[in-house]
Amino acid sequence: MATKYRVYNELSEEEKAQITTEKQWRKRGYCPVENEGELMYCNRSWSEAAYFRADQVRRMSEMELTLIRRRQKKKTGNIAGSERK
């Protein structure tokens, strides 16, 4: 059966090592430069995500990071990385 998008779990280990989802990049403090990512199925459950290579993202500015932290604090009542152990 032909699928609309490629399936991440069917990629080679080399290909998987070169791409990451937009959400994973954002957690690391990066955002896409433009919408050049590739839409793929994450697995066989057919959920979709945009995947980007390192050359398709840029480091977020302090202002962007601050806005994300504020949104997360509003949503969860906690800032990422400040959880007590």
N, C-alpha and C. Protein backbone atom coordinates (compact mmCIF):
# COMPACT_ATOMS: atom_id res chain seq x y z
N MET A 1 0.84 -1.19 0.00
CA MET A 1 0.00 0.00 0.00
C MET A 1 0.88 1.25 0.00
N ALA A 2 0.66 2.13 -0.93
CA ALA A 2 1.41 3.39 -0.98
C ALA A 2 0.85 4.35 0.07
N THR A 3 1.74 5.05 0.74
CA THR A 3 1.30 6.01 1.75
C THR A 3 1.53 7.42 1.25
N LYS A 4 0.82 8.35 1.86
CA LYS A 4 0.91 9.75 1.47
C LYS A 4 2.28 10.33 1.84
N TYR A 5 2.80 9.93 3.02
CA TYR A 5 4.11 10.41 3.49
C TYR A 5 4.99 9.22 3.83
N ARG A 6 6.27 9.48 3.97
CA ARG A 6 7.18 8.43 4.42
C ARG A 6 6.91 8.14 5.90
N VAL A 7 7.33 6.98 6.37
CA VAL A 7 7.14 6.59 7.76
C VAL A 7 8.50 6.63 8.46
N TYR A 8 8.59 7.42 9.54
CA TYR A 8 9.85 7.60 10.26
C TYR A 8 10.45 6.27 10.69
N ASN A 9 9.64 5.38 11.24
CA ASN A 9 10.15 4.10 11.75
C ASN A 9 10.73 3.20 10.66
N GLU A 10 10.45 3.52 9.42
CA GLU A 10 10.98 2.71 8.32
C GLU A 10 12.28 3.28 7.74
N LEU A 11 12.75 4.40 8.27
CA LEU A 11 13.99 5.00 7.79
C LEU A 11 15.19 4.23 8.33
N SER A 12 16.32 4.38 7.67
CA SER A 12 17.55 3.75 8.16
C SER A 12 18.01 4.50 9.41
N GLU A 13 18.86 3.87 10.20
CA GLU A 13 19.38 4.52 11.42
C GLU A 13 20.15 5.79 11.06
N GLU A 14 20.82 5.79 9.94
CA GLU A 14 21.57 6.97 9.49
C GLU A 14 20.62 8.13 9.20
N GLU A 15 19.52 7.85 8.52
CA GLU A 15 18.53 8.89 8.23
C GLU A 15 17.88 9.41 9.51
N LYS A 16 17.55 8.49 10.42
CA LYS A 16 16.93 8.90 11.69
C LYS A 16 17.84 9.81 12.50
N ALA A 17 19.15 9.56 12.43
CA ALA A 17 20.11 10.36 13.20
C ALA A 17 20.21 11.79 12.67
N GLN A 18 19.79 12.02 11.46
CA GLN A 18 19.92 13.34 10.84
C GLN A 18 18.70 14.22 10.97
N ILE A 19 17.56 13.67 11.40
CA ILE A 19 16.33 14.47 11.48
C ILE A 19 15.70 14.39 12.86
N THR A 20 14.97 15.43 13.20
CA THR A 20 14.28 15.52 14.48
C THR A 20 12.99 16.29 14.25
N THR A 21 11.97 16.02 15.06
CA THR A 21 10.70 16.73 14.90
C THR A 21 10.82 18.18 15.34
N GLU A 22 9.90 18.98 14.87
CA GLU A 22 9.87 20.40 15.25
C GLU A 22 9.75 20.53 16.76
N LYS A 23 8.91 19.74 17.37
CA LYS A 23 8.72 19.80 18.82
C LYS A 23 10.02 19.47 19.57
N GLN A 24 10.76 18.48 19.10
CA GLN A 24 12.04 18.12 19.72
C GLN A 24 13.06 19.24 19.56
N TRP A 25 13.10 19.88 18.39
CA TRP A 25 14.02 21.01 18.18
C TRP A 25 13.66 22.16 19.12
N ARG A 26 12.37 22.45 19.27
CA ARG A 26 11.95 23.55 20.14
C ARG A 26 12.35 23.30 21.59
N LYS A 27 12.26 22.06 22.04
CA LYS A 27 12.69 21.72 23.40
C LYS A 27 14.18 21.97 23.60
N ARG A 28 14.95 21.89 22.52
CA ARG A 28 16.39 22.13 22.58
C ARG A 28 16.75 23.60 22.38
N GLY A 29 15.72 24.44 22.12
CA GLY A 29 15.98 25.87 21.93
C GLY A 29 16.19 26.29 20.49
N TYR A 30 15.69 25.52 19.56
CA TYR A 30 15.82 25.82 18.13
C TYR A 30 14.43 25.92 17.50
N CYS A 31 14.36 26.64 16.39
CA CYS A 31 13.11 26.71 15.64
C CYS A 31 13.42 26.65 14.14
N PRO A 32 12.46 26.21 13.35
CA PRO A 32 12.67 26.11 11.91
C PRO A 32 12.95 27.48 11.28
N VAL A 33 13.86 27.50 10.32
CA VAL A 33 14.16 28.73 9.59
C VAL A 33 12.98 29.05 8.69
N GLU A 34 12.52 28.08 7.97
CA GLU A 34 11.35 28.19 7.11
C GLU A 34 10.64 26.84 7.13
N ASN A 35 9.50 26.76 6.54
CA ASN A 35 8.77 25.49 6.51
C ASN A 35 9.33 24.56 5.45
N GLU A 36 10.59 24.19 5.61
CA GLU A 36 11.24 23.29 4.67
C GLU A 36 11.26 21.86 5.16
N GLY A 37 10.71 21.60 6.33
CA GLY A 37 10.73 20.27 6.89
C GLY A 37 9.90 19.30 6.07
N GLU A 38 10.10 18.03 6.37
CA GLU A 38 9.37 16.99 5.65
C GLU A 38 8.30 16.42 6.58
N LEU A 39 7.08 16.40 6.11
CA LEU A 39 5.99 15.82 6.87
C LEU A 39 6.07 14.30 6.71
N MET A 40 6.11 13.60 7.85
CA MET A 40 6.18 12.14 7.83
C MET A 40 5.23 11.58 8.86
N TYR A 41 4.88 10.33 8.64
CA TYR A 41 4.16 9.60 9.67
C TYR A 41 5.19 9.21 10.73
N CYS A 42 4.85 9.40 11.99
CA CYS A 42 5.78 9.06 13.07
C CYS A 42 5.95 7.56 13.21
N ASN A 43 4.88 6.84 13.02
CA ASN A 43 4.88 5.39 13.18
C ASN A 43 3.69 4.83 12.41
N ARG A 44 3.39 3.61 12.65
CA ARG A 44 2.29 2.97 11.92
C ARG A 44 0.92 3.38 12.43
N SER A 45 0.84 4.22 13.46
CA SER A 45 -0.48 4.70 13.91
C SER A 45 -0.93 5.88 13.05
N TRP A 46 -0.07 6.27 12.11
CA TRP A 46 -0.38 7.30 11.13
C TRP A 46 -0.51 8.71 11.71
N SER A 47 0.09 8.95 12.89
CA SER A 47 0.15 10.33 13.37
C SER A 47 1.27 11.02 12.59
N GLU A 48 1.08 12.30 12.28
CA GLU A 48 2.02 13.02 11.43
C GLU A 48 2.84 14.02 12.24
N ALA A 49 4.04 14.31 11.77
CA ALA A 49 4.88 15.34 12.37
C ALA A 49 5.82 15.88 11.30
N ALA A 50 6.24 17.12 11.47
CA ALA A 50 7.21 17.72 10.55
C ALA A 50 8.61 17.45 11.10
N TYR A 51 9.47 16.91 10.26
CA TYR A 51 10.85 16.60 10.65
C TYR A 51 11.79 17.57 9.96
N PHE A 52 12.83 18.01 10.69
CA PHE A 52 13.80 18.97 10.17
C PHE A 52 15.22 18.48 10.42
N ARG A 53 16.11 18.82 9.49
CA ARG A 53 17.55 18.56 9.66
C ARG A 53 18.17 19.76 10.39
N ALA A 54 19.39 19.60 10.86
CA ALA A 54 20.07 20.65 11.60
C ALA A 54 20.26 21.92 10.76
N ASP A 55 20.40 21.77 9.44
CA ASP A 55 20.59 22.95 8.59
C ASP A 55 19.27 23.67 8.27
N GLN A 56 18.16 23.15 8.79
CA GLN A 56 16.86 23.77 8.56
C GLN A 56 16.31 24.47 9.80
N VAL A 57 17.13 24.56 10.85
CA VAL A 57 16.70 25.22 12.09
C VAL A 57 17.74 26.26 12.51
N ARG A 58 17.34 27.15 13.41
CA ARG A 58 18.25 28.16 13.95
C ARG A 58 18.03 28.25 15.46
N ARG A 59 19.03 28.74 16.14
CA ARG A 59 18.93 28.93 17.59
C ARG A 59 17.91 30.02 17.86
N MET A 60 17.02 29.81 18.86
CA MET A 60 16.02 30.82 19.22
C MET A 60 16.69 31.98 19.95
N SER A 61 16.14 33.16 19.77
CA SER A 61 16.65 34.32 20.50
C SER A 61 16.18 34.24 21.95
N GLU A 62 16.77 35.03 22.81
CA GLU A 62 16.36 35.06 24.22
C GLU A 62 14.89 35.47 24.35
N MET A 63 14.44 36.38 23.50
CA MET A 63 13.04 36.83 23.54
C MET A 63 12.10 35.67 23.21
N GLU A 64 12.43 34.90 22.18
CA GLU A 64 11.60 33.75 21.81
C GLU A 64 11.57 32.72 22.93
N LEU A 65 12.73 32.46 23.54
CA LEU A 65 12.79 31.51 24.65
C LEU A 65 11.97 31.99 25.84
N THR A 66 12.03 33.28 26.13
CA THR A 66 11.26 33.84 27.23
C THR A 66 9.77 33.69 26.99
N LEU A 67 9.32 33.95 25.77
CA LEU A 67 7.90 33.80 25.45
C LEU A 67 7.43 32.36 25.61
N ILE A 68 8.24 31.42 25.18
CA ILE A 68 7.89 30.01 25.31
C ILE A 68 7.82 29.62 26.78
N ARG A 69 8.77 30.07 27.56
CA ARG A 69 8.76 29.76 28.99
C ARG A 69 7.54 30.35 29.68
N ARG A 70 7.16 31.55 29.30
CA ARG A 70 5.96 32.17 29.89
C ARG A 70 4.71 31.38 29.56
N ARG A 71 4.59 30.97 28.29
CA ARG A 71 3.43 30.17 27.89
C ARG A 71 3.39 28.86 28.65
N GLN A 72 4.55 28.23 28.79
CA GLN A 72 4.60 26.96 29.51
C GLN A 72 4.26 27.15 30.99
N LYS A 73 4.73 28.24 31.56
CA LYS A 73 4.44 28.52 32.97
C LYS A 73 2.94 28.72 33.18
N LYS A 74 2.30 29.46 32.26
CA LYS A 74 0.85 29.65 32.33
C LYS A 74 0.12 28.32 32.23
N LYS A 75 0.59 27.48 31.31
CA LYS A 75 -0.07 26.22 31.03
C LYS A 75 0.10 25.22 32.18
N THR A 76 1.30 25.11 32.71
CA THR A 76 1.59 24.10 33.72
C THR A 76 1.82 24.64 35.12
N GLY A 77 2.06 25.93 35.22
CA GLY A 77 2.37 26.50 36.52
C GLY A 77 3.83 26.31 36.89
N ASN A 78 4.66 25.89 35.91
CA ASN A 78 6.06 25.63 36.17
C ASN A 78 6.88 26.00 34.94
N ILE A 79 8.12 26.41 35.14
CA ILE A 79 9.01 26.74 34.04
C ILE A 79 9.89 25.54 33.76
N ALA A 80 10.11 25.23 32.49
CA ALA A 80 10.94 24.09 32.12
C ALA A 80 12.33 24.25 32.72
N GLY A 81 12.83 23.16 33.26
CA GLY A 81 14.17 23.17 33.82
C GLY A 81 14.25 23.66 35.24
N SER A 82 13.14 24.12 35.82
CA SER A 82 13.19 24.63 37.18
C SER A 82 12.50 23.72 38.19
N GLU A 83 12.21 22.48 37.76
CA GLU A 83 11.55 21.55 38.66
C GLU A 83 12.48 21.22 39.81
N ARG A 84 11.92 21.08 40.98
CA ARG A 84 12.72 20.71 42.15
C ARG A 84 12.88 19.19 42.19
N LYS A 85 14.05 18.78 42.64
CA LYS A 85 14.33 17.34 42.73
C LYS A 85 14.31 16.90 44.16
